Structure formats: structure tokens, C-alpha cells
């Protein structure tokens, strides 16, 4: 929880700091954009991995259904 003293300390440090140059600001913006692009790339990779997992789960479910049907038909023959 932020106290009044914390707020005052932040305000004082902001008042005491010198303004940044345009170059520093543009550099900061470039870093932020680069970070954003990295995050978007990582989310795209995660999305692809999830699609692969979804396909694999569907494939396993299909195989299990086939095995279950074979087991059921085999049990019917034994009875």
C-alpha cells in the first residue's frame, strides 16, 4: 500500500530529475516497441504450440475410441 510519504518521495524525485532528451525518449520508445514485438512473437509461438497440442489430443482421442471399439467387439465375440 502506498503511503503519503511514498507519494511525496516520488513527487520530490520527479521534481529533482532533469528532463530527458528527445533522443533518450525515442530510444526508450524503440525499446518499448521492441519489447512489445517480442511479446507478440512469443504469444504467436504459444498459439501455434497450443494448436499442435489440440491436434495431438484429438488424434489420441480418435485412437482411443478405435481401440475401445475393437475391445468392445472382441468382448462381444467372447460372450
Protein backbone atom coordinates (compact mmCIF):
# COMPACT_ATOMS: atom_id res chain seq x y z
CA UNK A 1 0.00 0.00 0.00
CA UNK A 2 1.37 3.42 -0.95
CA UNK A 3 1.61 5.90 1.88
CA UNK A 4 1.57 9.67 1.72
CA UNK A 5 5.32 9.66 2.43
CA UNK A 6 5.90 7.35 -0.56
CA UNK A 7 3.89 9.65 -2.80
CA UNK A 8 5.79 12.68 -1.53
CA UNK A 9 9.12 10.92 -2.15
CA UNK A 10 8.10 10.07 -5.72
CA UNK A 11 6.95 13.62 -6.36
CA UNK A 12 10.22 15.01 -4.97
CA UNK A 13 12.34 12.70 -7.10
CA UNK A 14 10.36 13.66 -10.20
CA UNK A 15 10.84 17.34 -9.43
CA UNK A 16 14.58 16.84 -8.90
CA UNK A 17 15.16 14.82 -12.07
CA UNK A 18 16.24 16.51 -15.25
CA UNK A 19 14.12 16.15 -18.36
CA UNK A 20 15.21 13.53 -20.85
CA UNK A 21 16.36 14.44 -24.30
CA UNK A 22 14.39 13.68 -27.43
CA UNK A 23 16.98 11.05 -28.36
CA UNK A 24 16.61 9.34 -24.98
CA UNK A 25 12.83 9.40 -25.34
CA UNK A 26 12.95 7.98 -28.88
CA UNK A 27 15.37 5.29 -27.69
CA UNK A 28 13.01 4.41 -24.86
CA UNK A 29 10.05 4.21 -27.26
CA UNK A 30 12.08 1.96 -29.58
CA UNK A 31 12.87 -0.35 -26.65
CA UNK A 32 9.21 -0.49 -25.67
CA UNK A 33 8.18 -1.28 -29.26
CA UNK A 34 10.84 -3.97 -29.50
CA UNK A 35 9.65 -5.49 -26.23
CA UNK A 36 6.05 -5.40 -27.50
CA UNK A 37 7.09 -7.15 -30.73
CA UNK A 38 8.94 -9.80 -28.72
CA UNK A 39 5.87 -10.43 -26.59
CA UNK A 40 3.64 -10.68 -29.67
CA UNK A 41 6.07 -13.14 -31.28
CA UNK A 42 6.11 -15.26 -28.13
CA UNK A 43 2.31 -15.29 -27.99
CA UNK A 44 2.20 -16.35 -31.64
CA UNK A 45 4.55 -19.26 -30.82
CA UNK A 46 2.42 -20.23 -27.85
CA UNK A 47 -0.69 -20.13 -30.03
CA UNK A 48 1.00 -22.44 -32.58
CA UNK A 49 2.06 -24.82 -29.81
CA UNK A 50 -1.49 -24.89 -28.47
CA UNK A 51 -2.85 -25.69 -31.92
CA UNK A 52 -0.38 -28.59 -32.21
CA UNK A 53 -1.40 -29.84 -28.77
CA UNK A 54 -5.06 -29.60 -29.68
CA UNK A 55 -4.43 -31.65 -32.83
CA UNK A 56 -2.45 -34.24 -30.84
CA UNK A 57 -5.21 -34.53 -28.22
CA UNK A 58 -7.81 -35.02 -30.93
CA UNK A 59 -5.63 -37.67 -32.55
CA UNK A 60 -5.16 -39.52 -29.25
CA UNK A 61 -8.91 -39.36 -28.57
CA UNK A 62 -9.60 -40.83 -32.00
CA UNK A 63 -7.09 -43.66 -31.45
CA UNK A 64 -8.57 -44.42 -28.02
CA UNK A 65 -12.08 -44.57 -29.49
CA UNK A 66 -10.89 -47.01 -32.14
CA UNK A 67 -9.19 -49.20 -29.52
CA UNK A 68 -12.31 -49.06 -27.35
CA UNK A 69 -14.46 -50.17 -30.29
CA UNK A 70 -12.06 -53.06 -31.01
CA UNK A 71 -12.16 -54.10 -27.35
CA UNK A 72 -15.95 -53.92 -27.29
CA UNK A 73 -16.30 -56.02 -30.43
CA UNK A 74 -13.77 -58.54 -29.07
CA UNK A 75 -15.68 -58.84 -25.80
CA UNK A 76 -18.95 -59.38 -27.68
CA UNK A 77 -17.37 -62.24 -29.62
CA UNK A 78 -16.20 -63.88 -26.40
CA UNK A 79 -19.65 -63.77 -24.83
